[in-house]
Amino acid sequence: MDTVLIESLGVDTVIGVYDWERRITQRLEIDLELATDIRPAAQADDISLTLDYAAISARIGDFAARHELALVETFAERLAETLRDEFGIPWLRLTVRKPGAMASAASVGVRIERGNRAEVN
């Protein structure tokens, strides 16, 4: 089983529970680990046989631009569901960080895992 990585992807979105947060966009940082078998793509040297991190990154940017959510938890859960459904990802680990949300921390956020790594052939 192999893993495709996307690390420190920055996206802007409306997110937060306070009224002032609902009027601005804020930066989120996203890390992804995506389970796949890279052997077919590596053997054929063909991007269509693996998870295309450029396409996935673009989809994350689109998701962030189209959703205005209160909780980072909701953002993470809905994004994970969207990516698994649209890209056929059997397992992922998703970290969403909100830099600057607390003065005493570099960032706050959540990390979730969804799916089953054993489903990858």
PDB file of N, CA and C in Angstrom:
ATOM      1  N   MET A   1       0.837  -1.171   0.000  1.00  0.00           N
ATOM      2  CA  MET A   1       0.000   0.000   0.000  1.00  0.00           C
ATOM      3  C   MET A   1       0.882   1.234   0.000  1.00  0.00           C
ATOM      4  N   ASP A   2       0.508   2.187  -0.796  1.00  0.00           N
ATOM      5  CA  ASP A   2       1.300   3.397  -0.961  1.00  0.00           C
ATOM      6  C   ASP A   2       0.478   4.606  -0.541  1.00  0.00           C
ATOM      7  N   THR A   3       1.151   5.735  -0.431  1.00  0.00           N
ATOM      8  CA  THR A   3       0.490   6.955   0.009  1.00  0.00           C
ATOM      9  C   THR A   3       0.919   8.118  -0.872  1.00  0.00           C
ATOM     10  N   VAL A   4      -0.052   8.839  -1.396  1.00  0.00           N
ATOM     11  CA  VAL A   4       0.191  10.094  -2.091  1.00  0.00           C
ATOM     12  C   VAL A   4       0.040  11.201  -1.057  1.00  0.00           C
ATOM     13  N   LEU A   5       0.987  12.135  -1.032  1.00  0.00           N
ATOM     14  CA  LEU A   5       0.999  13.213  -0.045  1.00  0.00           C
ATOM     15  C   LEU A   5       0.705  14.560  -0.676  1.00  0.00           C
ATOM     16  N   ILE A   6      -0.044  15.355   0.039  1.00  0.00           N
ATOM     17  CA  ILE A   6      -0.189  16.788  -0.239  1.00  0.00           C
ATOM     18  C   ILE A   6       0.008  17.465   1.107  1.00  0.00           C
ATOM     19  N   GLU A   7       1.021  18.320   1.207  1.00  0.00           N
ATOM     20  CA  GLU A   7       1.353  18.920   2.489  1.00  0.00           C
ATOM     21  C   GLU A   7       1.331  20.437   2.422  1.00  0.00           C
ATOM     22  N   SER A   8       0.788  21.033   3.463  1.00  0.00           N
ATOM     23  CA  SER A   8       0.757  22.490   3.639  1.00  0.00           C
ATOM     24  C   SER A   8       0.077  23.204   2.478  1.00  0.00           C
ATOM     25  N   LEU A   9      -1.010  22.634   1.989  1.00  0.00           N
ATOM     26  CA  LEU A   9      -1.797  23.290   0.947  1.00  0.00           C
ATOM     27  C   LEU A   9      -2.600  24.418   1.587  1.00  0.00           C
ATOM     28  N   GLY A  10      -2.410  25.627   1.116  1.00  0.00           N
ATOM     29  CA  GLY A  10      -3.132  26.773   1.661  1.00  0.00           C
ATOM     30  C   GLY A  10      -4.367  27.080   0.838  1.00  0.00           C
ATOM     31  N   VAL A  11      -5.497  27.266   1.535  1.00  0.00           N
ATOM     32  CA  VAL A  11      -6.742  27.667   0.883  1.00  0.00           C
ATOM     33  C   VAL A  11      -7.397  28.761   1.716  1.00  0.00           C
ATOM     34  N   ASP A  12      -8.118  29.627   1.045  1.00  0.00           N
ATOM     35  CA  ASP A  12      -8.852  30.693   1.727  1.00  0.00           C
ATOM     36  C   ASP A  12     -10.333  30.363   1.717  1.00  0.00           C
ATOM     37  N   THR A  13     -10.982  30.597   2.863  1.00  0.00           N
ATOM     38  CA  THR A  13     -12.398  30.275   2.996  1.00  0.00           C
ATOM     39  C   THR A  13     -13.008  31.127   4.106  1.00  0.00           C
ATOM     40  N   VAL A  14     -14.316  31.180   4.118  1.00  0.00           N
ATOM     41  CA  VAL A  14     -15.033  31.785   5.240  1.00  0.00           C
ATOM     42  C   VAL A  14     -15.264  30.673   6.245  1.00  0.00           C
ATOM     43  N   ILE A  15     -14.688  30.837   7.435  1.00  0.00           N
ATOM     44  CA  ILE A  15     -14.825  29.812   8.468  1.00  0.00           C
ATOM     45  C   ILE A  15     -14.715  30.461   9.840  1.00  0.00           C
ATOM     46  N   GLY A  16     -15.581  30.042  10.732  1.00  0.00           N
ATOM     47  CA  GLY A  16     -15.515  30.552  12.097  1.00  0.00           C
ATOM     48  C   GLY A  16     -16.884  30.665  12.725  1.00  0.00           C
ATOM     49  N   VAL A  17     -16.885  30.749  14.028  1.00  0.00           N
ATOM     50  CA  VAL A  17     -18.140  30.810  14.781  1.00  0.00           C
ATOM     51  C   VAL A  17     -18.512  32.224  15.198  1.00  0.00           C
ATOM     52  N   TYR A  18     -17.573  33.147  15.144  1.00  0.00           N
ATOM     53  CA  TYR A  18     -17.847  34.516  15.567  1.00  0.00           C
ATOM     54  C   TYR A  18     -18.340  35.353  14.390  1.00  0.00           C
ATOM     55  N   ASP A  19     -19.167  36.360  14.691  1.00  0.00           N
ATOM     56  CA  ASP A  19     -19.736  37.215  13.644  1.00  0.00           C
ATOM     57  C   ASP A  19     -18.656  37.839  12.763  1.00  0.00           C
ATOM     58  N   TRP A  20     -17.580  38.308  13.378  1.00  0.00           N
ATOM     59  CA  TRP A  20     -16.540  38.961  12.577  1.00  0.00           C
ATOM     60  C   TRP A  20     -15.875  37.980  11.618  1.00  0.00           C
ATOM     61  N   GLU A  21     -15.813  36.687  11.999  1.00  0.00           N
ATOM     62  CA  GLU A  21     -15.215  35.674  11.123  1.00  0.00           C
ATOM     63  C   GLU A  21     -16.095  35.389   9.910  1.00  0.00           C
ATOM     64  N   ARG A  22     -17.363  35.622  10.034  1.00  0.00           N
ATOM     65  CA  ARG A  22     -18.304  35.345   8.950  1.00  0.00           C
ATOM     66  C   ARG A  22     -18.212  36.405   7.848  1.00  0.00           C
ATOM     67  N   ARG A  23     -17.487  37.491   8.120  1.00  0.00           N
ATOM     68  CA  ARG A  23     -17.373  38.586   7.154  1.00  0.00           C
ATOM     69  C   ARG A  23     -16.031  38.627   6.427  1.00  0.00           C
ATOM     70  N   ILE A  24     -15.142  37.682   6.748  1.00  0.00           N
ATOM     71  CA  ILE A  24     -13.811  37.693   6.139  1.00  0.00           C
ATOM     72  C   ILE A  24     -13.455  36.289   5.645  1.00  0.00           C
ATOM     73  N   THR A  25     -12.426  36.230   4.805  1.00  0.00           N
ATOM     74  CA  THR A  25     -11.869  34.919   4.477  1.00  0.00           C
ATOM     75  C   THR A  25     -10.638  34.702   5.356  1.00  0.00           C
ATOM     76  N   GLN A  26     -10.415  33.444   5.695  1.00  0.00           N
ATOM     77  CA  GLN A  26      -9.263  33.072   6.500  1.00  0.00           C
ATOM     78  C   GLN A  26      -8.521  31.948   5.800  1.00  0.00           C
ATOM     79  N   ARG A  27      -7.259  31.871   6.090  1.00  0.00           N
ATOM     80  CA  ARG A  27      -6.393  30.861   5.490  1.00  0.00           C
ATOM     81  C   ARG A  27      -6.440  29.579   6.318  1.00  0.00           C
ATOM     82  N   LEU A  28      -6.632  28.447   5.640  1.00  0.00           N
ATOM     83  CA  LEU A  28      -6.487  27.137   6.249  1.00  0.00           C
ATOM     84  C   LEU A  28      -5.302  26.448   5.593  1.00  0.00           C
ATOM     85  N   GLU A  29      -4.615  25.620   6.358  1.00  0.00           N
ATOM     86  CA  GLU A  29      -3.530  24.803   5.823  1.00  0.00           C
ATOM     87  C   GLU A  29      -3.955  23.347   5.916  1.00  0.00           C
ATOM     88  N   ILE A  30      -3.775  22.627   4.819  1.00  0.00           N
ATOM     89  CA  ILE A  30      -4.267  21.261   4.719  1.00  0.00           C
ATOM     90  C   ILE A  30      -3.127  20.308   4.393  1.00  0.00           C
ATOM     91  N   ASP A  31      -3.098  19.199   5.127  1.00  0.00           N
ATOM     92  CA  ASP A  31      -2.198  18.083   4.838  1.00  0.00           C
ATOM     93  C   ASP A  31      -3.058  16.866   4.538  1.00  0.00           C
ATOM     94  N   LEU A  32      -2.667  16.121   3.520  1.00  0.00           N
ATOM     95  CA  LEU A  32      -3.405  14.913   3.138  1.00  0.00           C
ATOM     96  C   LEU A  32      -2.464  13.748   2.938  1.00  0.00           C
ATOM     97  N   GLU A  33      -2.888  12.598   3.397  1.00  0.00           N
ATOM     98  CA  GLU A  33      -2.275  11.321   3.052  1.00  0.00           C
ATOM     99  C   GLU A  33      -3.377  10.503   2.402  1.00  0.00           C
ATOM    100  N   LEU A  34      -3.134  10.042   1.181  1.00  0.00           N
ATOM    101  CA  LEU A  34      -4.146   9.362   0.382  1.00  0.00           C
ATOM    102  C   LEU A  34      -3.646   7.976  -0.002  1.00  0.00           C
ATOM    103  N   ALA A  35      -4.380   6.957   0.403  1.00  0.00           N
ATOM    104  CA  ALA A  35      -3.981   5.582   0.104  1.00  0.00           C
ATOM    105  C   ALA A  35      -4.261   5.250  -1.351  1.00  0.00           C
ATOM    106  N   THR A  36      -3.279   4.607  -1.971  1.00  0.00           N
ATOM    107  CA  THR A  36      -3.423   4.148  -3.349  1.00  0.00           C
ATOM    108  C   THR A  36      -2.311   3.133  -3.636  1.00  0.00           C
ATOM    109  N   ASP A  37      -2.414   2.495  -4.764  1.00  0.00           N
ATOM    110  CA  ASP A  37      -1.344   1.625  -5.243  1.00  0.00           C
ATOM    111  C   ASP A  37      -0.694   2.346  -6.414  1.00  0.00           C
ATOM    112  N   ILE A  38       0.530   2.824  -6.232  1.00  0.00           N
ATOM    113  CA  ILE A  38       1.168   3.611  -7.292  1.00  0.00           C
ATOM    114  C   ILE A  38       1.839   2.757  -8.358  1.00  0.00           C
ATOM    115  N   ARG A  39       1.915   1.446  -8.153  1.00  0.00           N
ATOM    116  CA  ARG A  39       2.666   0.591  -9.088  1.00  0.00           C
ATOM    117  C   ARG A  39       2.180   0.684 -10.532  1.00  0.00           C
ATOM    118  N   PRO A  40       0.869   0.634 -10.808  1.00  0.00           N
ATOM    119  CA  PRO A  40       0.450   0.744 -12.221  1.00  0.00           C
ATOM    120  C   PRO A  40       0.890   2.062 -12.863  1.00  0.00           C
ATOM    121  N   ALA A  41       0.756   3.166 -12.138  1.00  0.00           N
ATOM    122  CA  ALA A  41       1.165   4.466 -12.687  1.00  0.00           C
ATOM    123  C   ALA A  41       2.677   4.518 -12.893  1.00  0.00           C
ATOM    124  N   ALA A  42       3.431   3.986 -11.932  1.00  0.00           N
ATOM    125  CA  ALA A  42       4.890   3.995 -12.044  1.00  0.00           C
ATOM    126  C   ALA A  42       5.357   3.134 -13.208  1.00  0.00           C
ATOM    127  N   GLN A  43       4.737   1.973 -13.381  1.00  0.00           N
ATOM    128  CA  GLN A  43       5.137   1.076 -14.465  1.00  0.00           C
ATOM    129  C   GLN A  43       4.853   1.696 -15.827  1.00  0.00           C
ATOM    130  N   ALA A  44       3.676   2.319 -15.975  1.00  0.00           N
ATOM    131  CA  ALA A  44       3.294   2.900 -17.262  1.00  0.00           C
ATOM    132  C   ALA A  44       3.726   4.357 -17.409  1.00  0.00           C
ATOM    133  N   ASP A  45       4.208   4.971 -16.325  1.00  0.00           N
ATOM    134  CA  ASP A  45       4.545   6.391 -16.301  1.00  0.00           C
ATOM    135  C   ASP A  45       3.353   7.216 -16.773  1.00  0.00           C
ATOM    136  N   ASP A  46       2.177   6.933 -16.156  1.00  0.00           N
ATOM    137  CA  ASP A  46       0.904   7.491 -16.611  1.00  0.00           C
ATOM    138  C   ASP A  46       0.129   8.053 -15.427  1.00  0.00           C
ATOM    139  N   ILE A  47      -0.073   9.365 -15.417  1.00  0.00           N
ATOM    140  CA  ILE A  47      -0.772  10.048 -14.326  1.00  0.00           C
ATOM    141  C   ILE A  47      -2.210   9.572 -14.158  1.00  0.00           C
ATOM    142  N   SER A  48      -2.819   9.104 -15.224  1.00  0.00           N
ATOM    143  CA  SER A  48      -4.224   8.672 -15.122  1.00  0.00           C
ATOM    144  C   SER A  48      -4.381   7.392 -14.306  1.00  0.00           C
ATOM    145  N   LEU A  49      -3.276   6.747 -13.959  1.00  0.00           N
ATOM    146  CA  LEU A  49      -3.335   5.498 -13.200  1.00  0.00           C
ATOM    147  C   LEU A  49      -3.032   5.683 -11.709  1.00  0.00           C
ATOM    148  N   THR A  50      -3.028   6.935 -11.271  1.00  0.00           N
ATOM    149  CA  THR A  50      -2.780   7.221  -9.853  1.00  0.00           C
ATOM    150  C   THR A  50      -3.658   8.379  -9.417  1.00  0.00           C
ATOM    151  N   LEU A  51      -3.538   8.778  -8.175  1.00  0.00           N
ATOM    152  CA  LEU A  51      -4.254   9.946  -7.682  1.00  0.00           C
ATOM    153  C   LEU A  51      -3.500  11.191  -8.135  1.00  0.00           C
ATOM    154  N   ASP A  52      -4.174  12.031  -8.875  1.00  0.00           N
ATOM    155  CA  ASP A  52      -3.581  13.237  -9.446  1.00  0.00           C
ATOM    156  C   ASP A  52      -3.613  14.345  -8.390  1.00  0.00           C
ATOM    157  N   TYR A  53      -2.478  14.602  -7.745  1.00  0.00           N
ATOM    158  CA  TYR A  53      -2.476  15.574  -6.659  1.00  0.00           C
ATOM    159  C   TYR A  53      -2.784  16.985  -7.132  1.00  0.00           C
ATOM    160  N   ALA A  54      -2.515  17.308  -8.388  1.00  0.00           N
ATOM    161  CA  ALA A  54      -2.871  18.631  -8.903  1.00  0.00           C
ATOM    162  C   ALA A  54      -4.396  18.766  -9.001  1.00  0.00           C
ATOM    163  N   ALA A  55      -5.058  17.736  -9.499  1.00  0.00           N
ATOM    164  CA  ALA A  55      -6.520  17.758  -9.597  1.00  0.00           C
ATOM    165  C   ALA A  55      -7.164  17.765  -8.212  1.00  0.00           C
ATOM    166  N   ILE A  56      -6.604  16.999  -7.294  1.00  0.00           N
ATOM    167  CA  ILE A  56      -7.138  16.957  -5.935  1.00  0.00           C
ATOM    168  C   ILE A  56      -6.941  18.310  -5.251  1.00  0.00           C
ATOM    169  N   SER A  57      -5.783  18.908  -5.425  1.00  0.00           N
ATOM    170  CA  SER A  57      -5.519  20.224  -4.832  1.00  0.00           C
ATOM    171  C   SER A  57      -6.468  21.280  -5.383  1.00  0.00           C
ATOM    172  N   ALA A  58      -6.716  21.242  -6.683  1.00  0.00           N
ATOM    173  CA  ALA A  58      -7.659  22.187  -7.296  1.00  0.00           C
ATOM    174  C   ALA A  58      -9.061  21.984  -6.733  1.00  0.00           C
ATOM    175  N   ARG A  59      -9.452  20.739  -6.530  1.00  0.00           N
ATOM    176  CA  ARG A  59     -10.784  20.450  -5.977  1.00  0.00           C
ATOM    177  C   ARG A  59     -10.906  20.961  -4.547  1.00  0.00           C
ATOM    178  N   ILE A  60      -9.838  20.847  -3.779  1.00  0.00           N
ATOM    179  CA  ILE A  60      -9.850  21.368  -2.410  1.00  0.00           C
ATOM    180  C   ILE A  60     -10.017  22.885  -2.427  1.00  0.00           C
ATOM    181  N   GLY A  61      -9.311  23.563  -3.322  1.00  0.00           N
ATOM    182  CA  GLY A  61      -9.466  25.010  -3.453  1.00  0.00           C
ATOM    183  C   GLY A  61     -10.878  25.407  -3.828  1.00  0.00           C
ATOM    184  N   ASP A  62     -11.473  24.661  -4.742  1.00  0.00           N
ATOM    185  CA  ASP A  62     -12.860  24.915  -5.144  1.00  0.00           C
ATOM    186  C   ASP A  62     -13.813  24.678  -3.976  1.00  0.00           C
ATOM    187  N   PHE A  63     -13.604  23.584  -3.249  1.00  0.00           N
ATOM    188  CA  PHE A  63     -14.433  23.281  -2.082  1.00  0.00           C
ATOM    189  C   PHE A  63     -14.371  24.430  -1.072  1.00  0.00           C
ATOM    190  N   ALA A  64     -13.161  24.901  -0.773  1.00  0.00           N
ATOM    191  CA  ALA A  64     -12.988  25.977   0.198  1.00  0.00           C
ATOM    192  C   ALA A  64     -13.672  27.259  -0.261  1.00  0.00           C
ATOM    193  N   ALA A  65     -13.601  27.549  -1.550  1.00  0.00           N
ATOM    194  CA  ALA A  65     -14.207  28.771  -2.076  1.00  0.00           C
ATOM    195  C   ALA A  65     -15.728  28.733  -2.051  1.00  0.00           C
ATOM    196  N   ARG A  66     -16.296  27.542  -2.141  1.00  0.00           N
ATOM    197  CA  ARG A  66     -17.755  27.408  -2.246  1.00  0.00           C
ATOM    198  C   ARG A  66     -18.476  27.169  -0.923  1.00  0.00           C
ATOM    199  N   HIS A  67     -17.742  26.888   0.137  1.00  0.00           N
ATOM    200  CA  HIS A  67     -18.373  26.585   1.418  1.00  0.00           C
ATOM    201  C   HIS A  67     -18.034  27.640   2.457  1.00  0.00           C
ATOM    202  N   GLU A  68     -19.034  28.003   3.246  1.00  0.00           N
ATOM    203  CA  GLU A  68     -18.857  28.912   4.373  1.00  0.00           C
ATOM    204  C   GLU A  68     -19.349  28.177   5.606  1.00  0.00           C
ATOM    205  N   LEU A  69     -18.413  27.665   6.388  1.00  0.00           N
ATOM    206  CA  LEU A  69     -18.747  26.809   7.523  1.00  0.00           C
ATOM    207  C   LEU A  69     -18.286  27.449   8.825  1.00  0.00           C
ATOM    208  N   ALA A  70     -18.879  27.015   9.919  1.00  0.00           N
ATOM    209  CA  ALA A  70     -18.511  27.535  11.229  1.00  0.00           C
ATOM    210  C   ALA A  70     -17.309  26.791  11.801  1.00  0.00           C
ATOM    211  N   LEU A  71     -17.304  25.471  11.697  1.00  0.00           N
ATOM    212  CA  LEU A  71     -16.305  24.658  12.379  1.00  0.00           C
ATOM    213  C   LEU A  71     -15.280  24.057  11.432  1.00  0.00           C
ATOM    214  N   VAL A  72     -14.037  24.035  11.877  1.00  0.00           N
ATOM    215  CA  VAL A  72     -12.984  23.331  11.151  1.00  0.00           C
ATOM    216  C   VAL A  72     -13.344  21.842  11.072  1.00  0.00           C
ATOM    217  N   GLU A  73     -13.974  21.321  12.115  1.00  0.00           N
ATOM    218  CA  GLU A  73     -14.399  19.920  12.130  1.00  0.00           C
ATOM    219  C   GLU A  73     -15.356  19.616  10.981  1.00  0.00           C
ATOM    220  N   THR A  74     -16.303  20.511  10.739  1.00  0.00           N
ATOM    221  CA  THR A  74     -17.263  20.324   9.647  1.00  0.00           C
ATOM    222  C   THR A  74     -16.562  20.413   8.304  1.00  0.00           C
ATOM    223  N   PHE A  75     -15.667  21.371   8.162  1.00  0.00           N
ATOM    224  CA  PHE A  75     -14.883  21.516   6.934  1.00  0.00           C
ATOM    225  C   PHE A  75     -14.147  20.215   6.638  1.00  0.00           C
ATOM    226  N   ALA A  76     -13.456  19.673   7.644  1.00  0.00           N
ATOM    227  CA  ALA A  76     -12.677  18.448   7.455  1.00  0.00           C
ATOM    228  C   ALA A  76     -13.562  17.273   7.081  1.00  0.00           C
ATOM    229  N   GLU A  77     -14.649  17.091   7.786  1.00  0.00           N
ATOM    230  CA  GLU A  77     -15.533  15.949   7.532  1.00  0.00           C
ATOM    231  C   GLU A  77     -16.130  16.007   6.126  1.00  0.00           C
ATOM    232  N   ARG A  78     -16.625  17.159   5.742  1.00  0.00           N
ATOM    233  CA  ARG A  78     -17.247  17.292   4.417  1.00  0.00           C
ATOM    234  C   ARG A  78     -16.226  17.211   3.295  1.00  0.00           C
ATOM    235  N   LEU A  79     -15.047  17.774   3.510  1.00  0.00           N
ATOM    236  CA  LEU A  79     -13.999  17.673   2.491  1.00  0.00           C
ATOM    237  C   LEU A  79     -13.563  16.226   2.313  1.00  0.00           C
ATOM    238  N   ALA A  80     -13.359  15.514   3.411  1.00  0.00           N
ATOM    239  CA  ALA A  80     -12.961  14.102   3.319  1.00  0.00           C
ATOM    240  C   ALA A  80     -13.990  13.301   2.539  1.00  0.00           C
ATOM    241  N   GLU A  81     -15.256  13.509   2.826  1.00  0.00           N
ATOM    242  CA  GLU A  81     -16.325  12.794   2.113  1.00  0.00           C
ATOM    243  C   GLU A  81     -16.305  13.132   0.623  1.00  0.00           C
ATOM    244  N   THR A  82     -16.138  14.404   0.311  1.00  0.00           N
ATOM    245  CA  THR A  82     -16.097  14.845  -1.090  1.00  0.00           C
ATOM    246  C   THR A  82     -14.937  14.195  -1.832  1.00  0.00           C
ATOM    247  N   LEU A  83     -13.748  14.227  -1.255  1.00  0.00           N
ATOM    248  CA  LEU A  83     -12.577  13.664  -1.923  1.00  0.00           C
ATOM    249  C   LEU A  83     -12.694  12.155  -2.099  1.00  0.00           C
ATOM    250  N   ARG A  84     -13.156  11.463  -1.072  1.00  0.00           N
ATOM    251  CA  ARG A  84     -13.302  10.006  -1.182  1.00  0.00           C
ATOM    252  C   ARG A  84     -14.309   9.648  -2.273  1.00  0.00           C
ATOM    253  N   ASP A  85     -15.432  10.374  -2.325  1.00  0.00           N
ATOM    254  CA  ASP A  85     -16.461  10.092  -3.327  1.00  0.00           C
ATOM    255  C   ASP A  85     -15.988  10.413  -4.739  1.00  0.00           C
ATOM    256  N   GLU A  86     -15.410  11.580  -4.930  1.00  0.00           N
ATOM    257  CA  GLU A  86     -15.082  12.048  -6.279  1.00  0.00           C
ATOM    258  C   GLU A  86     -13.822  11.408  -6.858  1.00  0.00           C
ATOM    259  N   PHE A  87     -12.880  11.015  -6.016  1.00  0.00           N
ATOM    260  CA  PHE A  87     -11.623  10.468  -6.517  1.00  0.00           C
ATOM    261  C   PHE A  87     -11.440   8.987  -6.198  1.00  0.00           C
ATOM    262  N   GLY A  88     -12.456   8.361  -5.594  1.00  0.00           N
ATOM    263  CA  GLY A  88     -12.374   6.932  -5.300  1.00  0.00           C
ATOM    264  C   GLY A  88     -11.258   6.584  -4.336  1.00  0.00           C
ATOM    265  N   ILE A  89     -11.063   7.401  -3.336  1.00  0.00           N
ATOM    266  CA  ILE A  89      -9.985   7.206  -2.370  1.00  0.00           C
ATOM    267  C   ILE A  89     -10.486   6.289  -1.249  1.00  0.00           C
ATOM    268  N   PRO A  90      -9.880   5.110  -1.079  1.00  0.00           N
ATOM    269  CA  PRO A  90     -10.378   4.176  -0.074  1.00  0.00           C
ATOM    270  C   PRO A  90     -10.067   4.587   1.364  1.00  0.00           C
ATOM    271  N   TRP A  91      -8.961   5.321   1.561  1.00  0.00           N
ATOM    272  CA  TRP A  91      -8.561   5.770   2.897  1.00  0.00           C
ATOM    273  C   TRP A  91      -7.815   7.084   2.773  1.00  0.00           C
ATOM    274  N   LEU A  92      -8.055   7.965   3.741  1.00  0.00           N
ATOM    275  CA  LEU A  92      -7.279   9.195   3.799  1.00  0.00           C
ATOM    276  C   LEU A  92      -7.098   9.635   5.233  1.00  0.00           C
ATOM    277  N   ARG A  93      -6.030  10.378   5.436  1.00  0.00           N
ATOM    278  CA  ARG A  93      -5.793  11.098   6.682  1.00  0.00           C
ATOM    279  C   ARG A  93      -5.722  12.566   6.291  1.00  0.00           C
ATOM    280  N   LEU A  94      -6.571  13.372   6.906  1.00  0.00           N
ATOM    281  CA  LEU A  94      -6.703  14.782   6.569  1.00  0.00           C
ATOM    282  C   LEU A  94      -6.453  15.618   7.814  1.00  0.00           C
ATOM    283  N   THR A  95      -5.543  16.563   7.700  1.00  0.00           N
ATOM    284  CA  THR A  95      -5.290  17.531   8.766  1.00  0.00           C
ATOM    285  C   THR A  95      -5.667  18.905   8.242  1.00  0.00           C
ATOM    286  N   VAL A  96      -6.485  19.620   9.005  1.00  0.00           N
ATOM    287  CA  VAL A  96      -6.865  20.995   8.669  1.00  0.00           C
ATOM    288  C   VAL A  96      -6.414  21.877   9.821  1.00  0.00           C
ATOM    289  N   ARG A  97      -5.565  22.849   9.512  1.00  0.00           N
ATOM    290  CA  ARG A  97      -5.064  23.792  10.518  1.00  0.00           C
ATOM    291  C   ARG A  97      -5.590  25.187  10.217  1.00  0.00           C
ATOM    292  N   LYS A  98      -5.855  25.920  11.286  1.00  0.00           N
ATOM    293  CA  LYS A  98      -6.289  27.318  11.187  1.00  0.00           C
ATOM    294  C   LYS A  98      -5.221  28.171  11.877  1.00  0.00           C
ATOM    295  N   PRO A  99      -4.243  28.650  11.098  1.00  0.00           N
ATOM    296  CA  PRO A  99      -3.162  29.445  11.689  1.00  0.00           C
ATOM    297  C   PRO A  99      -3.691  30.759  12.267  1.00  0.00           C
ATOM    298  N   GLY A 100      -3.106  31.155  13.384  1.00  0.00           N
ATOM    299  CA  GLY A 100      -3.456  32.446  13.959  1.00  0.00           C
ATOM    300  C   GLY A 100      -4.784  32.484  14.687  1.00  0.00           C
ATOM    301  N   ALA A 101      -5.446  31.367  14.833  1.00  0.00           N
ATOM    302  CA  ALA A 101      -6.750  31.360  15.504  1.00  0.00           C
ATOM    303  C   ALA A 101      -6.618  31.633  16.999  1.00  0.00           C
ATOM    304  N   MET A 102      -5.479  31.283  17.549  1.00  0.00           N
ATOM    305  CA  MET A 102      -5.197  31.557  18.961  1.00  0.00           C
ATOM    306  C   MET A 102      -3.834  32.231  19.059  1.00  0.00           C
ATOM    307  N   ALA A 103      -3.777  33.287  19.815  1.00  0.00           N
ATOM    308  CA  ALA A 103      -2.528  34.038  19.940  1.00  0.00           C
ATOM    309  C   ALA A 103      -1.407  33.195  20.537  1.00  0.00           C
ATOM    310  N   SER A 104      -1.744  32.246  21.371  1.00  0.00           N
ATOM    311  CA  SER A 104      -0.731  31.454  22.054  1.00  0.00           C
ATOM    312  C   SER A 104      -0.311  30.193  21.290  1.00  0.00           C
ATOM    313  N   ALA A 105      -0.856  29.980  20.097  1.00  0.00           N
ATOM    314  CA  ALA A 105      -0.527  28.789  19.304  1.00  0.00           C
ATOM    315  C   ALA A 105      -0.274  29.184  17.857  1.00  0.00           C
ATOM    316  N   ALA A 106       0.634  28.476  17.212  1.00  0.00           N
ATOM    317  CA  ALA A 106       0.892  28.729  15.791  1.00  0.00           C
ATOM    318  C   ALA A 106      -0.355  28.428  14.961  1.00  0.00           C
ATOM    319  N   SER A 107      -1.072  27.374  15.342  1.00  0.00           N
ATOM    320  CA  SER A 107      -2.318  27.037  14.664  1.00  0.00           C
ATOM    321  C   SER A 107      -3.111  26.091  15.551  1.00  0.00           C
ATOM    322  N   VAL A 108      -4.376  25.957  15.230  1.00  0.00           N
ATOM    323  CA  VAL A 108      -5.247  24.951  15.834  1.00  0.00           C
ATOM    324  C   VAL A 108      -5.869  24.176  14.694  1.00  0.00           C
ATOM    325  N   GLY A 109      -6.453  23.027  14.975  1.00  0.00           N
ATOM    326  CA  GLY A 109      -7.075  22.281  13.890  1.00  0.00           C
ATOM    327  C   GLY A 109      -7.503  20.898  14.308  1.00  0.00           C
ATOM    328  N   VAL A 110      -7.763  20.080  13.298  1.00  0.00           N
ATOM    329  CA  VAL A 110      -8.203  18.699  13.508  1.00  0.00           C
ATOM    330  C   VAL A 110      -7.474  17.783  12.534  1.00  0.00           C
ATOM    331  N   ARG A 111      -7.389  16.521  12.925  1.00  0.00           N
ATOM    332  CA  ARG A 111      -6.864  15.477  12.046  1.00  0.00           C
ATOM    333  C   ARG A 111      -7.855  14.320  12.094  1.00  0.00           C
ATOM    334  N   ILE A 112      -8.301  13.897  10.910  1.00  0.00           N
ATOM    335  CA  ILE A 112      -9.242  12.790  10.844  1.00  0.00           C
ATOM    336  C   ILE A 112      -8.732  11.719   9.877  1.00  0.00           C
ATOM    337  N   GLU A 113      -9.171  10.509  10.100  1.00  0.00           N
ATOM    338  CA  GLU A 113      -8.920   9.406   9.165  1.00  0.00           C
ATOM    339  C   GLU A 113     -10.273   8.836   8.780  1.00  0.00           C
ATOM    340  N   ARG A 114     -10.433   8.577   7.496  1.00  0.00           N
ATOM    341  CA  ARG A 114     -11.677   7.990   7.008  1.00  0.00           C
ATOM    342  C   ARG A 114     -11.356   6.897   6.019  1.00  0.00           C
ATOM    343  N   GLY A 115     -12.145   5.835   6.059  1.00  0.00           N
ATOM    344  CA  GLY A 115     -11.974   4.730   5.127  1.00  0.00           C
ATOM    345  C   GLY A 115     -11.151   3.620   5.728  1.00  0.00           C
ATOM    346  N   ASN A 116     -10.703   2.729   4.840  1.00  0.00           N
ATOM    347  CA  ASN A 116     -10.014   1.533   5.249  1.00  0.00           C
ATOM    348  C   ASN A 116      -8.781   1.335   4.374  1.00  0.00           C
ATOM    349  N   ARG A 117      -7.612   1.354   4.978  1.00  0.00           N
ATOM    350  CA  ARG A 117      -6.365   1.184   4.224  1.00  0.00           C
ATOM    351  C   ARG A 117      -6.309  -0.200   3.582  1.00  0.00           C
ATOM    352  N   ALA A 118      -6.963  -1.173   4.176  1.00  0.00           N
ATOM    353  CA  ALA A 118      -6.933  -2.540   3.656  1.00  0.00           C
ATOM    354  C   ALA A 118      -7.660  -2.661   2.330  1.00  0.00           C
ATOM    355  N   GLU A 119      -8.482  -1.674   1.957  1.00  0.00           N
ATOM    356  CA  GLU A 119      -9.221  -1.739   0.693  1.00  0.00           C
ATOM    357  C   GLU A 119      -8.348  -1.499  -0.528  1.00  0.00           C
ATOM    358  N   VAL A 120      -7.110  -1.023  -0.334  1.00  0.00           N
ATOM    359  CA  VAL A 120      -6.206  -0.765  -1.441  1.00  0.00           C
ATOM    360  C   VAL A 120      -5.598  -2.079  -1.874  1.00  0.00           C
ATOM    361  N   ASN A 121      -5.698  -2.375  -3.149  1.00  0.00           N
ATOM    362  CA  ASN A 121      -5.142  -3.640  -3.663  1.00  0.00           C
ATOM    363  C   ASN A 121      -3.660  -3.551  -3.860  1.00  0.00           C
TER     364      ASN A 121
END
